[in-house]
Amino acid sequence: MEQHYYNVEVNWSSNRKGVMCSPELTKEAGSCLEVATPPEFPKGIPGIWSPEHLLTAAVSSCLMTTFLSIAENSKLNFTHFSCKSKGKLEQVEGKFMMSEIILESTVTITDEKDREKAERILQKSEAACLISNSIKSKVIMVPTIEIG
């Protein structure tokens, strides 16, 4: 696969807030996001996406898209995928960092015989996720397989 670039532009709007867009995504589709310093920091603003949320979301959404690809190639019959994620911000050696990201993924399968296959695919997905492989944060996956 060739190298690719993904372009993002952020512009300050006021206080500790800005707007982030990508020229590759259409503004008409509401693809721009308001971003701000989170409320845990001085002058932070609640209720707006923060870099900390976006990093956590990047890992979680990468797990999902990687899972969908591997599940399709493995012909896994599933009816649902979801992932709750939690990013842990802490100070390490005098610097703030997202030290770990916990992924609580749930896959619903229709047949118990596919449980081990679904678990393997989730593990492969976490190992192959390009975002997880690009960050220092420890990624912890807590998988759940349901029958439905």
C-alpha atoms as a PDB file:
ATOM      1  CA  MET A   1       0.000   0.000   0.000  1.00  0.00           C
ATOM      2  CA  GLU A   2       1.260   3.463  -0.848  1.00  0.00           C
ATOM      3  CA  GLN A   3       1.653   6.128   1.804  1.00  0.00           C
ATOM      4  CA  HIS A   4      -1.301   8.412   2.331  1.00  0.00           C
ATOM      5  CA  TYR A   5      -1.750  11.821   3.938  1.00  0.00           C
ATOM      6  CA  TYR A   6      -4.861  12.892   5.821  1.00  0.00           C
ATOM      7  CA  ASN A   7      -5.324  16.648   6.038  1.00  0.00           C
ATOM      8  CA  VAL A   8      -6.887  18.489   8.952  1.00  0.00           C
ATOM      9  CA  GLU A   9      -7.053  22.200   9.598  1.00  0.00           C
ATOM     10  CA  VAL A  10      -7.912  23.812  12.900  1.00  0.00           C
ATOM     11  CA  ASN A  11      -8.687  27.501  13.339  1.00  0.00           C
ATOM     12  CA  TRP A  12      -9.025  29.311  16.647  1.00  0.00           C
ATOM     13  CA  SER A  13     -12.436  30.911  17.080  1.00  0.00           C
ATOM     14  CA  SER A  14     -12.537  32.317  20.645  1.00  0.00           C
ATOM     15  CA  ASN A  15     -11.297  31.729  24.184  1.00  0.00           C
ATOM     16  CA  ARG A  16      -9.966  28.122  24.328  1.00  0.00           C
ATOM     17  CA  LYS A  17     -12.037  26.976  21.351  1.00  0.00           C
ATOM     18  CA  GLY A  18     -11.580  26.383  17.638  1.00  0.00           C
ATOM     19  CA  VAL A  19     -13.077  24.641  14.631  1.00  0.00           C
ATOM     20  CA  MET A  20     -11.474  21.624  13.011  1.00  0.00           C
ATOM     21  CA  CYS A  21     -12.214  20.593   9.406  1.00  0.00           C
ATOM     22  CA  SER A  22     -10.696  18.495   6.672  1.00  0.00           C
ATOM     23  CA  PRO A  23     -10.632  19.524   3.023  1.00  0.00           C
ATOM     24  CA  GLU A  24     -11.207  15.837   2.210  1.00  0.00           C
ATOM     25  CA  LEU A  25     -14.587  15.851   3.968  1.00  0.00           C
ATOM     26  CA  THR A  26     -17.559  17.937   2.913  1.00  0.00           C
ATOM     27  CA  LYS A  27     -18.506  20.790   5.207  1.00  0.00           C
ATOM     28  CA  GLU A  28     -22.128  20.424   4.079  1.00  0.00           C
ATOM     29  CA  ALA A  29     -22.257  17.025   5.774  1.00  0.00           C
ATOM     30  CA  GLY A  30     -21.407  18.671   9.100  1.00  0.00           C
ATOM     31  CA  SER A  31     -17.913  17.234   9.118  1.00  0.00           C
ATOM     32  CA  CYS A  32     -16.351  20.182  10.942  1.00  0.00           C
ATOM     33  CA  LEU A  33     -16.006  19.793  14.704  1.00  0.00           C
ATOM     34  CA  GLU A  34     -15.788  22.398  17.379  1.00  0.00           C
ATOM     35  CA  VAL A  35     -12.806  21.551  19.612  1.00  0.00           C
ATOM     36  CA  ALA A  36     -11.706  23.014  22.920  1.00  0.00           C
ATOM     37  CA  THR A  37      -9.563  22.623  25.983  1.00  0.00           C
ATOM     38  CA  PRO A  38     -11.391  20.164  28.289  1.00  0.00           C
ATOM     39  CA  PRO A  39     -12.880  21.465  31.544  1.00  0.00           C
ATOM     40  CA  GLU A  40     -10.230  19.702  33.660  1.00  0.00           C
ATOM     41  CA  PHE A  41      -7.742  22.376  32.544  1.00  0.00           C
ATOM     42  CA  PRO A  42      -7.797  26.124  33.313  1.00  0.00           C
ATOM     43  CA  LYS A  43     -10.382  27.931  31.169  1.00  0.00           C
ATOM     44  CA  GLY A  44     -11.493  24.592  29.705  1.00  0.00           C
ATOM     45  CA  ILE A  45     -14.935  24.363  28.164  1.00  0.00           C
ATOM     46  CA  PRO A  46     -17.352  21.504  28.939  1.00  0.00           C
ATOM     47  CA  GLY A  47     -19.514  19.860  26.302  1.00  0.00           C
ATOM     48  CA  ILE A  48     -17.098  20.238  23.349  1.00  0.00           C
ATOM     49  CA  TRP A  49     -14.811  17.632  21.757  1.00  0.00           C
ATOM     50  CA  SER A  50     -11.276  17.876  23.150  1.00  0.00           C
ATOM     51  CA  PRO A  51      -7.976  16.466  21.856  1.00  0.00           C
ATOM     52  CA  GLU A  52      -8.231  13.881  24.631  1.00  0.00           C
ATOM     53  CA  HIS A  53     -11.674  12.773  23.415  1.00  0.00           C
ATOM     54  CA  LEU A  54     -10.476  12.727  19.810  1.00  0.00           C
ATOM     55  CA  LEU A  55      -7.459  10.524  20.600  1.00  0.00           C
ATOM     56  CA  THR A  56      -9.665   8.096  22.513  1.00  0.00           C
ATOM     57  CA  ALA A  57     -12.201   8.160  19.661  1.00  0.00           C
ATOM     58  CA  ALA A  58      -9.464   7.531  17.082  1.00  0.00           C
ATOM     59  CA  VAL A  59      -8.389   4.332  18.859  1.00  0.00           C
ATOM     60  CA  SER A  60     -11.978   3.149  19.312  1.00  0.00           C
ATOM     61  CA  SER A  61     -13.073   3.875  15.746  1.00  0.00           C
ATOM     62  CA  CYS A  62      -9.899   2.276  14.381  1.00  0.00           C
ATOM     63  CA  LEU A  63     -10.683  -0.888  16.350  1.00  0.00           C
ATOM     64  CA  MET A  64     -14.168  -0.921  14.815  1.00  0.00           C
ATOM     65  CA  THR A  65     -13.058  -0.396  11.208  1.00  0.00           C
ATOM     66  CA  THR A  66     -10.255  -2.953  11.569  1.00  0.00           C
ATOM     67  CA  PHE A  67     -12.687  -5.436  13.142  1.00  0.00           C
ATOM     68  CA  LEU A  68     -15.187  -4.943  10.300  1.00  0.00           C
ATOM     69  CA  SER A  69     -12.499  -5.669   7.720  1.00  0.00           C
ATOM     70  CA  ILE A  70     -11.094  -8.750   9.453  1.00  0.00           C
ATOM     71  CA  ALA A  71     -14.579 -10.074  10.309  1.00  0.00           C
ATOM     72  CA  GLU A  72     -15.636  -9.750   6.670  1.00  0.00           C
ATOM     73  CA  ASN A  73     -12.481 -11.494   5.412  1.00  0.00           C
ATOM     74  CA  SER A  74     -12.973 -14.226   8.048  1.00  0.00           C
ATOM     75  CA  LYS A  75     -16.665 -14.591   7.185  1.00  0.00           C
ATOM     76  CA  LEU A  76     -17.736 -14.051  10.786  1.00  0.00           C
ATOM     77  CA  ASN A  77     -21.510 -13.950  11.115  1.00  0.00           C
ATOM     78  CA  PHE A  78     -22.260 -11.157  13.637  1.00  0.00           C
ATOM     79  CA  THR A  79     -25.219  -8.845  14.157  1.00  0.00           C
ATOM     80  CA  HIS A  80     -23.770  -6.089  16.343  1.00  0.00           C
ATOM     81  CA  PHE A  81     -20.489  -4.373  17.206  1.00  0.00           C
ATOM     82  CA  SER A  82     -20.022  -1.586  19.733  1.00  0.00           C
ATOM     83  CA  CYS A  83     -17.117  -0.221  21.702  1.00  0.00           C
ATOM     84  CA  LYS A  84     -17.113   1.988  24.768  1.00  0.00           C
ATOM     85  CA  SER A  85     -13.717   3.570  25.277  1.00  0.00           C
ATOM     86  CA  LYS A  86     -12.094   5.402  28.145  1.00  0.00           C
ATOM     87  CA  GLY A  87      -8.867   7.409  27.867  1.00  0.00           C
ATOM     88  CA  LYS A  88      -6.830   7.926  31.034  1.00  0.00           C
ATOM     89  CA  LEU A  89      -5.092  11.300  31.322  1.00  0.00           C
ATOM     90  CA  GLU A  90      -2.355  11.581  33.922  1.00  0.00           C
ATOM     91  CA  GLN A  91       0.917  13.293  34.625  1.00  0.00           C
ATOM     92  CA  VAL A  92       3.946  11.073  33.988  1.00  0.00           C
ATOM     93  CA  GLU A  93       7.446  12.386  34.672  1.00  0.00           C
ATOM     94  CA  GLY A  94       6.127  15.942  34.768  1.00  0.00           C
ATOM     95  CA  LYS A  95       4.227  15.718  31.466  1.00  0.00           C
ATOM     96  CA  PHE A  96       0.549  15.186  30.786  1.00  0.00           C
ATOM     97  CA  MET A  97      -0.192  12.153  28.650  1.00  0.00           C
ATOM     98  CA  MET A  98      -2.954   9.766  27.764  1.00  0.00           C
ATOM     99  CA  SER A  99      -1.337   6.827  29.547  1.00  0.00           C
ATOM    100  CA  GLU A 100      -3.914   4.200  28.656  1.00  0.00           C
ATOM    101  CA  ILE A 101      -7.018   3.674  26.587  1.00  0.00           C
ATOM    102  CA  ILE A 102      -9.488   1.014  27.655  1.00  0.00           C
ATOM    103  CA  LEU A 103     -11.647  -0.481  24.901  1.00  0.00           C
ATOM    104  CA  GLU A 104     -14.785  -2.292  26.058  1.00  0.00           C
ATOM    105  CA  SER A 105     -15.897  -3.947  22.839  1.00  0.00           C
ATOM    106  CA  THR A 106     -19.039  -6.007  22.408  1.00  0.00           C
ATOM    107  CA  VAL A 107     -19.754  -8.313  19.488  1.00  0.00           C
ATOM    108  CA  THR A 108     -23.070 -10.102  19.104  1.00  0.00           C
ATOM    109  CA  ILE A 109     -23.001 -13.387  17.213  1.00  0.00           C
ATOM    110  CA  THR A 110     -25.929 -15.641  16.338  1.00  0.00           C
ATOM    111  CA  ASP A 111     -24.293 -18.991  17.070  1.00  0.00           C
ATOM    112  CA  GLU A 112     -22.237 -20.123  20.070  1.00  0.00           C
ATOM    113  CA  LYS A 113     -19.915 -22.028  17.727  1.00  0.00           C
ATOM    114  CA  ASP A 114     -18.543 -18.667  16.500  1.00  0.00           C
ATOM    115  CA  ARG A 115     -17.492 -17.427  19.979  1.00  0.00           C
ATOM    116  CA  GLU A 116     -13.791 -18.376  19.724  1.00  0.00           C
ATOM    117  CA  LYS A 117     -13.608 -17.050  16.171  1.00  0.00           C
ATOM    118  CA  ALA A 118     -15.100 -13.704  17.268  1.00  0.00           C
ATOM    119  CA  GLU A 119     -12.645 -13.474  20.189  1.00  0.00           C
ATOM    120  CA  ARG A 120      -9.688 -14.186  17.857  1.00  0.00           C
ATOM    121  CA  ILE A 121     -10.889 -11.563  15.375  1.00  0.00           C
ATOM    122  CA  LEU A 122     -11.193  -8.958  18.140  1.00  0.00           C
ATOM    123  CA  GLN A 123      -7.652  -9.740  19.325  1.00  0.00           C
ATOM    124  CA  LYS A 124      -6.314  -9.556  15.758  1.00  0.00           C
ATOM    125  CA  SER A 125      -8.164  -6.273  15.246  1.00  0.00           C
ATOM    126  CA  GLU A 126      -6.604  -4.686  18.319  1.00  0.00           C
ATOM    127  CA  ALA A 127      -3.134  -5.881  17.255  1.00  0.00           C
ATOM    128  CA  ALA A 128      -3.603  -4.608  13.685  1.00  0.00           C
ATOM    129  CA  CYS A 129      -5.172  -1.235  14.522  1.00  0.00           C
ATOM    130  CA  LEU A 130      -2.897   1.372  12.969  1.00  0.00           C
ATOM    131  CA  ILE A 131      -3.847   4.051  15.498  1.00  0.00           C
ATOM    132  CA  SER A 132      -3.064   1.808  18.495  1.00  0.00           C
ATOM    133  CA  ASN A 133       0.224   0.937  16.812  1.00  0.00           C
ATOM    134  CA  SER A 134       1.029   4.657  16.380  1.00  0.00           C
ATOM    135  CA  ILE A 135       0.661   5.867  19.962  1.00  0.00           C
ATOM    136  CA  LYS A 136       2.532   5.455  23.262  1.00  0.00           C
ATOM    137  CA  SER A 137      -0.621   4.879  25.316  1.00  0.00           C
ATOM    138  CA  LYS A 138      -1.200   1.397  26.661  1.00  0.00           C
ATOM    139  CA  VAL A 139      -4.293  -0.041  24.954  1.00  0.00           C
ATOM    140  CA  ILE A 140      -6.333  -2.442  27.076  1.00  0.00           C
ATOM    141  CA  MET A 141      -9.146  -4.378  25.461  1.00  0.00           C
ATOM    142  CA  VAL A 142     -12.012  -5.861  27.467  1.00  0.00           C
ATOM    143  CA  PRO A 143     -14.005  -7.928  24.949  1.00  0.00           C
ATOM    144  CA  THR A 144     -17.525  -9.245  25.413  1.00  0.00           C
ATOM    145  CA  ILE A 145     -19.123 -11.769  23.069  1.00  0.00           C
ATOM    146  CA  GLU A 146     -22.907 -12.047  23.256  1.00  0.00           C
ATOM    147  CA  ILE A 147     -25.355 -14.417  21.611  1.00  0.00           C
ATOM    148  CA  GLY A 148     -28.374 -12.762  20.048  1.00  0.00           C
END
